[in-house]
Amino acid sequence: MAKVTVRNETGKLVMDFTYRNVRCREQTALPDTLQNRKRVEVVLEKIKKALRNGTFKYRDYFPESALASRFDPAAAVDVGKSMQSPVNSSSPHFQDFARQWFKEHEIEWRRSHIRSLRSTLDGRLIPHFGQKVVSSITKSDILAYRATLAKVKGRGDKEGLSPKRINEIIGTLCQIIDEAADRFEFTTPTTNIKRLRVRKVDVDPFSLQDVQSILATVRADYRNYFTVRFFTGMRTGEVHGLKWRYVDFERRLIRVRETVVLGEDEYTKTDGSQRDIQMSQPVVEALAKQYEVTGKLSDYVFCNLMGAPLDNKNFTDRVWYPLLRHLGMTERRPYQMRHTAATLWLASGEAPEWIARQLGHTSTEMLFRVYSRYVPNLTRQDGSAMERLLASRLATGKVLRMDGAHLQQVGDSNLFAEAGGRERATMPVPKPRGVAVGALERARTNWSRTSQDITLPERHAGEDPQPPPPGAMRTHVRRLNPLHA
């Protein structure tokens, strides 16, 4: 694809096109104006036509360019070997550039991400692309490699890697190639390579009854740990990296400032993860009991016998999964304890903004997207709350009793109002119009009966229920009139 661009440093127009799989950018002496753009576009159209016809010669158009010598006929032969695929000969092999790219960016990443990328490079990408010149890798090569990843042996008995893992591998490959294309000036082949669709995985939190069963059954030395995880929503690394200096019993706060990654303290996952968590009473009591055990043994709230933070794999294999099997519960990751805290907070009616802060989310968007579907199931807040309100207010016949001299009865009804208040006459029912007066009289009789059972707020005591407006009565009469049937 050929186009006219502008170099920011000089403000001059640049012809940007691809020749023999090499990205070529030739700067002109023309400033960026509408008239100059038209002039450059005319030349670029001639270049495109020559490229299509196979008659383009670089030196004919750009005789002073440093790239011209690269495309001269004499440069097309390499010591008795013809170039079978035109590539940027100055670009390095993939394995060399990948290692250089890794070293340059390593300082930006967390240890867990470094470990994952190292595994991807050494186990997947370098064995397959390592000996290729990075500029010779085509889009077809990338797509063919992606297809093979869906067939290799996965975890356990699974055939093929998951779409999520394939996207991670291909994403790393594309980052490396894009960086090389920018440095060695060739067209990247990664354009329009779409990510595989990843199925949405639903969270699987525990019910409150499940939580009670777990806390009643778990071994005693882990009960405080489980209480904190279930009722604070802390991530695994955050609770394992929690230190006593971040526990404020006086203000009932847990200050999340560090996390444990691969056994070492690190900064939290994001800036938003730096937060203060309000402790509920069960959490305060659990941490007070835990302080008696580890408060003088280690800086960490939850630690092993050596005072070091808990190892997640050891906890998962020796405590978590055996506990779930013992209780006959579906196996799920420990991270579901965080999801459980979120759903229980929502179920209890806590403000979504407060829950998002507790979890370390910068907004409530993720909260509603991930957890909101559990709220009706847990609290029945699906419209029944309004029905309960209406039923409780409208079903009560007697509002006030004549328990004191300051109350007086309103008519023959069960309603009572404060004595000495301003008395108001009952609003009259409008005079009937039209036909079917008998039917209307029966309706009026029904209304007068109904008024005995209607409950009015105390501030409206002394008033009878307001009758329907005349329009409604006329409609009612017309429906009862056989002449209008």
Protein backbone atom coordinates (compact mmCIF):
# COMPACT_ATOMS: atom_id res chain seq x y z
CA MET A 1 0.00 0.00 0.00
CA ALA A 2 1.46 3.32 -1.12
CA LYS A 3 0.60 6.61 0.56
CA VAL A 4 1.77 10.15 1.16
CA THR A 5 2.71 11.02 4.74
CA VAL A 6 4.46 13.83 6.59
CA ARG A 7 7.64 13.59 8.62
CA ASN A 8 7.00 15.29 11.95
CA GLU A 9 10.58 16.43 12.43
CA THR A 10 10.83 18.31 9.12
CA GLY A 11 7.25 18.86 8.02
CA LYS A 12 8.19 17.54 4.55
CA LEU A 13 6.09 15.17 2.48
CA VAL A 14 7.17 11.51 2.34
CA MET A 15 6.35 8.78 -0.20
CA ASP A 16 5.69 5.58 1.73
CA PHE A 17 5.47 2.33 -0.28
CA THR A 18 6.65 -1.29 -0.31
CA TYR A 19 9.10 -2.74 -2.83
CA ARG A 20 10.33 -6.33 -2.71
CA ASN A 21 8.87 -6.81 0.79
CA VAL A 22 10.85 -3.81 2.05
CA ARG A 23 9.10 -0.72 3.35
CA CYS A 24 10.50 2.31 1.56
CA ARG A 25 10.04 5.87 2.78
CA GLU A 26 11.51 8.61 0.60
CA GLN A 27 11.35 12.19 1.83
CA THR A 28 10.77 15.00 -0.65
CA ALA A 29 11.81 18.64 -0.36
CA LEU A 30 8.19 19.79 -0.49
CA PRO A 31 6.37 21.18 2.55
CA ASP A 32 2.93 19.84 3.42
CA THR A 33 0.46 21.87 1.35
CA LEU A 34 -2.56 20.80 -0.67
CA GLN A 35 -0.88 21.66 -3.98
CA ASN A 36 2.32 19.79 -3.07
CA ARG A 37 0.34 16.75 -1.97
CA LYS A 38 -1.30 16.57 -5.40
CA ARG A 39 2.12 16.76 -7.08
CA VAL A 40 3.54 13.96 -4.92
CA GLU A 41 0.45 11.81 -5.43
CA VAL A 42 0.90 12.02 -9.21
CA VAL A 43 4.45 10.66 -8.88
CA LEU A 44 3.29 7.99 -6.46
CA GLU A 45 0.64 6.83 -8.93
CA LYS A 46 3.35 6.37 -11.56
CA ILE A 47 5.38 4.30 -9.08
CA LYS A 48 2.38 2.12 -8.28
CA LYS A 49 1.69 1.54 -11.98
CA ALA A 50 5.33 0.58 -12.59
CA LEU A 51 5.22 -1.79 -9.62
CA ARG A 52 2.13 -3.49 -11.05
CA ASN A 53 3.72 -3.84 -14.47
CA GLY A 54 7.02 -5.06 -13.05
CA THR A 55 8.96 -2.22 -14.71
CA PHE A 56 9.83 -0.25 -11.56
CA LYS A 57 13.53 0.52 -11.05
CA TYR A 58 14.36 2.19 -7.81
CA ARG A 59 17.34 4.21 -9.08
CA ASP A 60 15.27 5.72 -11.90
CA TYR A 61 13.00 7.45 -9.39
CA PHE A 62 15.38 7.96 -6.46
CA PRO A 63 18.96 8.03 -7.83
CA GLU A 64 20.45 9.61 -4.67
CA SER A 65 18.66 7.32 -2.22
CA ALA A 66 20.64 5.06 0.09
CA LEU A 67 18.19 2.27 -0.73
CA ALA A 68 18.91 2.44 -4.47
CA SER A 69 22.07 0.33 -4.21
CA ARG A 70 20.17 -2.37 -2.38
CA PHE A 71 17.84 -2.83 -5.34
CA ASP A 72 20.44 -2.57 -8.11
CA PRO A 73 20.59 -5.73 -10.32
CA ALA A 74 24.14 -6.50 -9.11
CA ALA A 75 22.96 -6.61 -5.51
CA ALA A 76 20.35 -9.22 -6.28
CA VAL A 77 22.96 -12.01 -6.46
CA ASP A 78 24.69 -13.25 -3.31
CA VAL A 79 27.93 -15.20 -4.07
CA GLY A 80 26.56 -17.69 -6.54
CA LYS A 81 23.14 -17.81 -4.84
CA SER A 82 20.15 -15.98 -6.29
CA MET A 83 17.67 -14.37 -4.00
CA GLN A 84 14.64 -16.56 -4.16
CA SER A 85 12.59 -14.39 -1.78
CA PRO A 86 13.27 -10.66 -1.59
CA VAL A 87 13.69 -9.77 2.09
CA ASN A 88 15.37 -7.07 4.08
CA SER A 89 18.84 -8.57 4.34
CA SER A 90 19.80 -6.16 7.12
CA SER A 91 17.22 -7.55 9.56
CA PRO A 92 18.46 -10.17 12.07
CA HIS A 93 17.24 -13.68 12.74
CA PHE A 94 14.13 -13.97 14.83
CA GLN A 95 15.85 -15.60 17.80
CA ASP A 96 18.44 -12.81 18.04
CA PHE A 97 15.94 -10.00 17.82
CA ALA A 98 13.50 -11.72 20.19
CA ARG A 99 16.16 -11.98 22.89
CA GLN A 100 17.16 -8.36 22.34
CA TRP A 101 13.50 -7.27 22.55
CA PHE A 102 13.05 -9.27 25.76
CA LYS A 103 16.08 -7.67 27.45
CA GLU A 104 15.01 -4.15 26.47
CA HIS A 105 11.50 -4.52 27.90
CA GLU A 106 12.22 -6.77 30.87
CA ILE A 107 12.48 -3.80 33.20
CA GLU A 108 8.83 -2.86 32.47
CA TRP A 109 7.28 -6.18 33.53
CA ARG A 110 6.37 -7.96 36.76
CA ARG A 111 8.16 -11.18 37.64
CA SER A 112 5.14 -13.30 36.86
CA HIS A 113 4.85 -11.76 33.38
CA ILE A 114 8.58 -12.21 32.76
CA ARG A 115 8.29 -15.86 33.68
CA SER A 116 5.33 -16.34 31.33
CA LEU A 117 7.04 -14.59 28.40
CA ARG A 118 10.25 -16.52 28.93
CA SER A 119 8.27 -19.74 28.72
CA THR A 120 6.51 -18.57 25.55
CA LEU A 121 9.75 -17.58 23.82
CA ASP A 122 11.86 -20.60 24.79
CA GLY A 123 9.12 -23.19 24.55
CA ARG A 124 7.11 -21.99 21.54
CA LEU A 125 8.36 -19.14 19.36
CA ILE A 126 12.13 -19.54 19.14
CA PRO A 127 12.02 -23.30 18.33
CA HIS A 128 9.67 -22.55 15.42
CA PHE A 129 10.84 -19.17 14.05
CA GLY A 130 14.32 -18.86 15.56
CA GLN A 131 16.38 -19.50 12.40
CA LYS A 132 14.25 -17.34 10.13
CA VAL A 133 15.19 -13.79 9.18
CA VAL A 134 12.57 -11.73 10.97
CA SER A 135 11.61 -9.78 7.83
CA SER A 136 10.99 -13.03 5.93
CA ILE A 137 8.15 -14.14 8.23
CA THR A 138 4.88 -13.78 6.34
CA LYS A 139 1.26 -13.60 7.39
CA SER A 140 0.79 -17.13 6.04
CA ASP A 141 3.59 -18.35 8.32
CA ILE A 142 1.90 -16.81 11.35
CA LEU A 143 -1.55 -18.20 10.55
CA ALA A 144 -0.15 -21.67 9.79
CA TYR A 145 1.69 -21.68 13.12
CA ARG A 146 -1.46 -20.58 14.94
CA ALA A 147 -3.32 -23.51 13.42
CA THR A 148 -0.71 -25.96 14.72
CA LEU A 149 -1.11 -24.60 18.27
CA ALA A 150 -4.71 -25.79 18.23
CA LYS A 151 -3.48 -29.36 17.71
CA VAL A 152 -0.53 -29.66 20.09
CA LYS A 153 -0.95 -31.45 23.41
CA GLY A 154 -2.45 -29.21 26.06
CA ARG A 155 -2.78 -29.61 29.82
CA GLY A 156 -3.73 -33.06 31.00
CA ASP A 157 -5.60 -35.00 28.35
CA LYS A 158 -6.71 -31.93 26.41
CA GLU A 159 -5.80 -31.71 22.74
CA GLY A 160 -4.71 -28.27 21.64
CA LEU A 161 -4.08 -25.11 23.57
CA SER A 162 -6.96 -22.92 24.69
CA PRO A 163 -7.89 -19.88 22.55
CA LYS A 164 -6.75 -17.64 25.40
CA ARG A 165 -3.28 -19.22 25.46
CA ILE A 166 -3.01 -19.16 21.65
CA ASN A 167 -3.85 -15.44 21.67
CA GLU A 168 -1.09 -14.85 24.23
CA ILE A 169 1.51 -16.67 22.09
CA ILE A 170 0.52 -15.03 18.79
CA GLY A 171 0.22 -11.66 20.53
CA THR A 172 3.84 -11.92 21.72
CA LEU A 173 4.97 -12.95 18.23
CA CYS A 174 3.18 -9.98 16.66
CA GLN A 175 4.71 -7.54 19.17
CA ILE A 176 8.21 -8.73 18.28
CA ILE A 177 7.63 -8.59 14.52
CA ASP A 178 5.99 -5.16 14.71
CA GLU A 179 8.96 -3.80 16.65
CA ALA A 180 11.38 -5.28 14.11
CA ALA A 181 9.36 -3.85 11.19
CA ASP A 182 9.57 -0.38 12.71
CA ARG A 183 13.33 -0.61 13.30
CA PHE A 184 14.37 -2.28 10.04
CA GLU A 185 11.79 -0.59 7.82
CA PHE A 186 9.81 -3.46 6.35
CA THR A 187 6.06 -3.93 6.17
CA THR A 188 4.76 -5.88 9.10
CA PRO A 189 2.82 -9.04 8.14
CA THR A 190 0.69 -8.93 11.30
CA THR A 191 -1.90 -6.50 9.94
CA ASN A 192 -5.50 -7.70 10.29
CA ILE A 193 -4.60 -10.88 12.18
CA LYS A 194 -7.58 -11.18 14.51
CA ARG A 195 -7.58 -12.71 17.95
CA LEU A 196 -9.41 -15.97 18.46
CA ARG A 197 -12.73 -15.68 20.21
CA VAL A 198 -12.49 -16.63 23.87
CA ARG A 199 -15.59 -18.01 25.53
CA LYS A 200 -16.83 -16.11 28.55
CA VAL A 201 -16.25 -18.05 31.76
CA ASP A 202 -18.85 -17.48 34.45
CA VAL A 203 -17.77 -16.94 38.03
CA ASP A 204 -18.79 -19.67 40.46
CA PRO A 205 -19.07 -18.13 43.94
CA PHE A 206 -20.10 -19.97 47.08
CA SER A 207 -23.44 -19.42 48.77
CA LEU A 208 -23.54 -18.10 52.32
CA GLN A 209 -24.49 -21.59 53.50
CA ASP A 210 -21.42 -23.00 51.73
CA VAL A 211 -19.22 -20.38 53.40
CA GLN A 212 -20.59 -21.33 56.81
CA SER A 213 -19.91 -25.02 56.10
CA ILE A 214 -16.35 -24.27 55.00
CA LEU A 215 -15.57 -22.13 58.07
CA ALA A 216 -17.02 -24.77 60.36
CA THR A 217 -15.05 -27.60 58.74
CA VAL A 218 -11.67 -26.16 57.76
CA ARG A 219 -8.72 -27.04 59.94
CA ALA A 220 -8.30 -24.66 62.84
CA ASP A 221 -5.00 -23.10 61.72
CA TYR A 222 -6.61 -21.89 58.48
CA ARG A 223 -10.00 -20.70 59.80
CA ASN A 224 -8.84 -17.11 60.27
CA TYR A 225 -7.28 -17.14 56.80
CA PHE A 226 -10.53 -18.28 55.18
CA THR A 227 -12.57 -15.73 57.13
CA VAL A 228 -10.40 -12.88 55.86
CA ARG A 229 -10.55 -14.10 52.27
CA PHE A 230 -14.30 -14.70 52.20
CA PHE A 231 -15.24 -11.36 53.79
CA THR A 232 -12.65 -8.96 52.31
CA GLY A 233 -12.43 -10.06 48.66
CA MET A 234 -8.63 -9.78 48.68
CA ARG A 235 -6.68 -11.39 45.85
CA THR A 236 -4.47 -14.38 46.61
CA GLY A 237 -1.22 -12.43 46.32
CA GLU A 238 -2.63 -9.58 48.39
CA VAL A 239 -3.69 -11.73 51.35
CA HIS A 240 -0.44 -13.74 51.22
CA GLY A 241 1.55 -10.51 51.17
CA LEU A 242 -0.45 -8.83 53.94
CA LYS A 243 1.79 -7.58 56.75
CA TRP A 244 0.85 -6.59 60.26
CA ARG A 245 1.89 -2.99 59.72
CA TYR A 246 -0.93 -2.68 57.18
CA VAL A 247 -3.61 -3.85 59.63
CA ASP A 248 -5.21 -0.93 61.49
CA PHE A 249 -7.37 -2.33 64.29
CA GLU A 250 -8.22 1.12 65.62
CA ARG A 251 -9.76 2.31 62.33
CA ARG A 252 -10.80 -1.23 61.32
CA LEU A 253 -8.90 -1.00 58.03
CA ILE A 254 -6.69 -3.32 55.97
CA ARG A 255 -4.33 -1.26 53.83
CA VAL A 256 -3.48 -3.14 50.63
CA ARG A 257 -0.03 -1.91 49.62
CA GLU A 258 1.92 -4.99 48.52
CA THR A 259 1.39 -8.37 46.93
CA VAL A 260 3.44 -11.56 46.80
CA VAL A 261 4.54 -12.81 43.36
CA LEU A 262 6.59 -15.99 43.14
CA GLY A 263 7.47 -15.71 46.82
CA GLU A 264 8.67 -12.10 46.70
CA ASP A 265 7.04 -8.80 47.62
CA GLU A 266 5.94 -6.63 44.72
CA TYR A 267 3.78 -3.63 43.93
CA THR A 268 0.07 -4.37 43.61
CA LYS A 269 -1.49 -5.47 40.33
CA THR A 270 -2.57 -1.92 39.39
CA ASP A 271 -2.59 1.52 40.97
CA GLY A 272 -6.29 1.02 41.66
CA SER A 273 -5.44 -2.05 43.71
CA GLN A 274 -3.84 0.23 46.30
CA ARG A 275 -6.80 0.62 48.65
CA ASP A 276 -8.11 0.53 52.21
CA ILE A 277 -10.54 -2.29 52.97
CA GLN A 278 -13.08 -1.80 55.74
CA MET A 279 -13.14 -4.76 58.10
CA SER A 280 -16.40 -6.33 59.21
CA GLN A 281 -16.68 -7.70 62.75
CA PRO A 282 -15.88 -11.33 61.75
CA VAL A 283 -12.70 -10.11 60.04
CA VAL A 284 -11.66 -8.02 63.05
CA GLU A 285 -12.12 -11.01 65.35
CA ALA A 286 -10.27 -13.36 62.97
CA LEU A 287 -7.28 -11.03 62.70
CA ALA A 288 -7.21 -10.49 66.46
CA LYS A 289 -6.98 -14.26 66.96
CA GLN A 290 -4.37 -14.51 64.20
CA TYR A 291 -2.22 -11.86 65.87
CA GLU A 292 -1.91 -14.11 68.92
CA VAL A 293 -0.41 -16.78 66.64
CA THR A 294 1.81 -14.90 64.15
CA GLY A 295 1.95 -11.34 65.49
CA LYS A 296 5.38 -11.89 67.06
CA LEU A 297 6.54 -14.64 64.73
CA SER A 298 6.58 -12.83 61.39
CA ASP A 299 5.89 -9.59 59.56
CA TYR A 300 3.31 -11.49 57.52
CA VAL A 301 -0.20 -12.02 58.87
CA PHE A 302 -0.45 -15.48 57.32
CA CYS A 303 2.83 -17.37 57.16
CA ASN A 304 4.38 -20.82 57.42
CA LEU A 305 6.38 -22.13 60.39
CA MET A 306 9.47 -20.34 59.08
CA GLY A 307 7.69 -16.97 59.04
CA ALA A 308 7.67 -16.81 55.21
CA PRO A 309 4.51 -15.99 53.22
CA LEU A 310 2.26 -18.88 52.25
CA ASP A 311 2.97 -20.68 48.99
CA ASN A 312 -0.11 -20.65 46.80
CA LYS A 313 0.48 -24.05 45.17
CA ASN A 314 1.11 -25.69 48.51
CA PHE A 315 -2.07 -24.15 49.93
CA THR A 316 -4.12 -25.17 46.90
CA ASP A 317 -2.91 -28.79 46.78
CA ARG A 318 -2.78 -29.53 50.51
CA VAL A 319 -5.58 -27.44 52.00
CA TRP A 320 -8.02 -26.04 49.45
CA TYR A 321 -8.90 -28.96 47.17
CA PRO A 322 -8.86 -31.58 49.95
CA LEU A 323 -11.33 -29.39 51.87
CA LEU A 324 -13.72 -29.11 48.92
CA ARG A 325 -13.56 -32.87 48.32
CA HIS A 326 -14.21 -33.50 52.00
CA LEU A 327 -17.35 -31.33 51.87
CA GLY A 328 -18.50 -32.78 48.55
CA MET A 329 -18.41 -29.37 46.85
CA THR A 330 -17.59 -28.69 43.22
CA GLU A 331 -13.88 -28.03 42.77
CA ARG A 332 -13.06 -24.46 41.87
CA ARG A 333 -10.10 -22.12 42.16
CA PRO A 334 -9.39 -20.29 45.44
CA TYR A 335 -10.00 -17.05 43.55
CA GLN A 336 -13.72 -17.82 43.84
CA MET A 337 -13.48 -16.63 47.46
CA ARG A 338 -13.02 -13.12 46.05
CA HIS A 339 -16.07 -13.56 43.82
CA THR A 340 -18.00 -14.83 46.84
CA ALA A 341 -17.25 -11.65 48.80
CA ALA A 342 -18.50 -9.52 45.91
CA THR A 343 -21.77 -11.43 45.53
CA LEU A 344 -22.44 -11.43 49.27
CA TRP A 345 -21.90 -7.67 49.46
CA LEU A 346 -24.26 -7.13 46.55
CA ALA A 347 -26.80 -9.49 48.09
CA SER A 348 -26.76 -7.56 51.37
CA GLY A 349 -27.57 -4.32 49.54
CA GLU A 350 -24.21 -2.55 49.87
CA ALA A 351 -23.60 0.39 47.54
CA PRO A 352 -21.91 -0.73 44.29
CA GLU A 353 -19.38 2.12 44.50
CA TRP A 354 -18.33 0.97 47.98
CA ILE A 355 -17.99 -2.64 46.78
CA ALA A 356 -15.85 -1.55 43.82
CA ARG A 357 -13.51 0.30 46.18
CA GLN A 358 -13.29 -2.71 48.47
CA LEU A 359 -12.31 -4.92 45.52
CA GLY A 360 -9.85 -2.44 44.03
CA HIS A 361 -11.86 -1.66 40.90
CA THR A 362 -11.67 1.86 39.49
CA SER A 363 -15.35 1.80 38.43
CA THR A 364 -18.52 -0.23 38.89
CA GLU A 365 -18.56 -1.38 35.26
CA MET A 366 -16.79 -4.68 35.89
CA LEU A 367 -18.83 -5.20 39.05
CA PHE A 368 -22.15 -5.16 37.20
CA ARG A 369 -20.81 -7.06 34.20
CA VAL A 370 -19.43 -9.95 36.26
CA TYR A 371 -21.56 -10.21 39.38
CA SER A 372 -24.94 -8.53 38.92
CA ARG A 373 -26.74 -11.63 37.67
CA TYR A 374 -26.29 -13.25 41.09
CA VAL A 375 -28.14 -10.55 42.99
CA PRO A 376 -31.76 -11.60 42.19
CA ASN A 377 -30.94 -15.21 43.03
CA LEU A 378 -29.59 -14.30 46.46
CA THR A 379 -31.90 -11.53 47.59
CA ARG A 380 -35.03 -11.83 45.45
CA GLN A 381 -34.59 -8.17 44.53
CA ASP A 382 -36.31 -8.74 41.21
CA GLY A 383 -39.42 -6.60 41.59
CA SER A 384 -40.81 -8.44 44.62
CA ALA A 385 -39.57 -5.69 46.96
CA MET A 386 -42.12 -3.25 45.50
CA GLU A 387 -44.85 -5.87 45.74
CA ARG A 388 -44.03 -6.44 49.42
CA LEU A 389 -44.16 -2.70 50.07
CA LEU A 390 -47.53 -2.28 48.38
CA ALA A 391 -48.96 -5.36 50.05
CA SER A 392 -47.87 -4.24 53.50
CA ARG A 393 -49.24 -0.71 53.10
CA LEU A 394 -52.50 -1.46 51.30
CA ALA A 395 -53.50 -4.58 53.20
CA THR A 396 -53.65 -2.87 56.61
CA GLY A 397 -57.19 -1.68 57.38
CA LYS A 398 -56.59 0.12 60.69
CA VAL A 399 -53.91 2.75 60.91
CA LEU A 400 -54.56 4.50 64.24
CA ARG A 401 -56.53 3.39 67.28
CA MET A 402 -58.44 5.67 69.66
CA ASP A 403 -55.87 5.11 72.39
CA GLY A 404 -55.81 8.74 73.53
CA ALA A 405 -58.03 11.78 73.81
CA HIS A 406 -56.10 13.52 71.08
CA LEU A 407 -57.55 11.23 68.39
CA GLN A 408 -60.96 11.38 66.79
CA GLN A 409 -62.70 8.97 64.43
CA VAL A 410 -63.19 9.94 60.82
CA GLY A 411 -66.76 9.11 59.86
CA ASP A 412 -67.73 5.47 60.17
CA SER A 413 -64.35 4.21 58.91
CA ASN A 414 -61.49 2.61 60.78
CA LEU A 415 -59.36 5.74 60.20
CA PHE A 416 -58.53 8.15 63.01
CA ALA A 417 -57.02 11.64 62.96
CA GLU A 418 -55.62 14.02 65.55
CA ALA A 419 -58.27 16.11 67.30
CA GLY A 420 -58.13 19.86 66.97
CA GLY A 421 -56.91 19.70 63.43
CA ARG A 422 -58.51 21.61 60.62
CA GLU A 423 -61.63 19.71 59.62
CA ARG A 424 -62.25 19.25 55.95
CA ALA A 425 -65.47 18.26 54.30
CA THR A 426 -65.56 15.02 52.43
CA MET A 427 -65.27 15.56 48.69
CA PRO A 428 -68.63 14.87 47.07
CA VAL A 429 -69.08 12.33 44.33
CA PRO A 430 -69.91 14.19 41.09
CA LYS A 431 -73.52 14.13 39.90
CA PRO A 432 -74.05 11.29 37.40
CA ARG A 433 -74.55 12.11 33.75
CA GLY A 434 -75.94 10.07 30.92
CA VAL A 435 -77.77 6.78 31.19
CA ALA A 436 -77.39 3.63 33.29
CA VAL A 437 -77.77 5.62 36.51
CA GLY A 438 -78.69 2.43 38.32
CA ALA A 439 -75.38 0.85 37.42
CA LEU A 440 -73.63 3.99 38.54
CA GLU A 441 -75.43 3.95 41.89
CA ARG A 442 -74.26 0.37 42.43
CA ALA A 443 -70.72 1.48 41.61
CA ARG A 444 -70.99 4.34 44.13
CA THR A 445 -72.15 1.85 46.75
CA ASN A 446 -69.09 -0.30 46.03
CA TRP A 447 -66.79 2.73 46.29
CA SER A 448 -68.27 3.64 49.69
CA ARG A 449 -67.65 0.08 50.88
CA THR A 450 -64.12 0.11 49.56
CA SER A 451 -63.31 3.30 51.44
CA GLN A 452 -63.72 1.41 54.71
CA ASP A 453 -60.68 -0.71 53.91
CA ILE A 454 -58.32 1.84 52.36
CA THR A 455 -55.38 2.86 54.50
CA LEU A 456 -54.29 6.48 54.36
CA PRO A 457 -51.05 7.96 55.69
CA GLU A 458 -51.41 9.75 59.00
CA ARG A 459 -50.78 13.18 57.48
CA HIS A 460 -53.94 12.74 55.34
CA ALA A 461 -56.20 11.70 58.27
CA GLY A 462 -59.57 13.45 58.11
CA GLU A 463 -59.97 12.96 54.37
CA ASP A 464 -61.99 10.34 52.56
CA PRO A 465 -60.43 8.64 49.58
CA GLN A 466 -60.60 10.77 46.47
CA PRO A 467 -63.28 9.50 44.02
CA PRO A 468 -62.36 8.69 40.42
CA PRO A 469 -62.42 11.69 38.05
CA PRO A 470 -65.59 12.34 36.02
CA GLY A 471 -63.96 11.04 32.86
CA ALA A 472 -63.33 7.68 34.48
CA MET A 473 -66.98 7.47 35.63
CA ARG A 474 -68.26 8.29 32.19
CA THR A 475 -66.07 5.57 30.74
CA HIS A 476 -67.30 3.16 33.40
CA VAL A 477 -70.91 4.05 32.66
CA ARG A 478 -70.48 3.63 28.93
CA ARG A 479 -69.05 0.15 29.43
CA LEU A 480 -72.06 -0.80 31.56
CA ASN A 481 -74.57 0.71 29.18
CA PRO A 482 -75.97 -1.95 26.86
CA LEU A 483 -76.62 0.74 24.26
CA HIS A 484 -72.84 1.28 23.97
CA ALA A 485 -71.82 -2.38 24.01
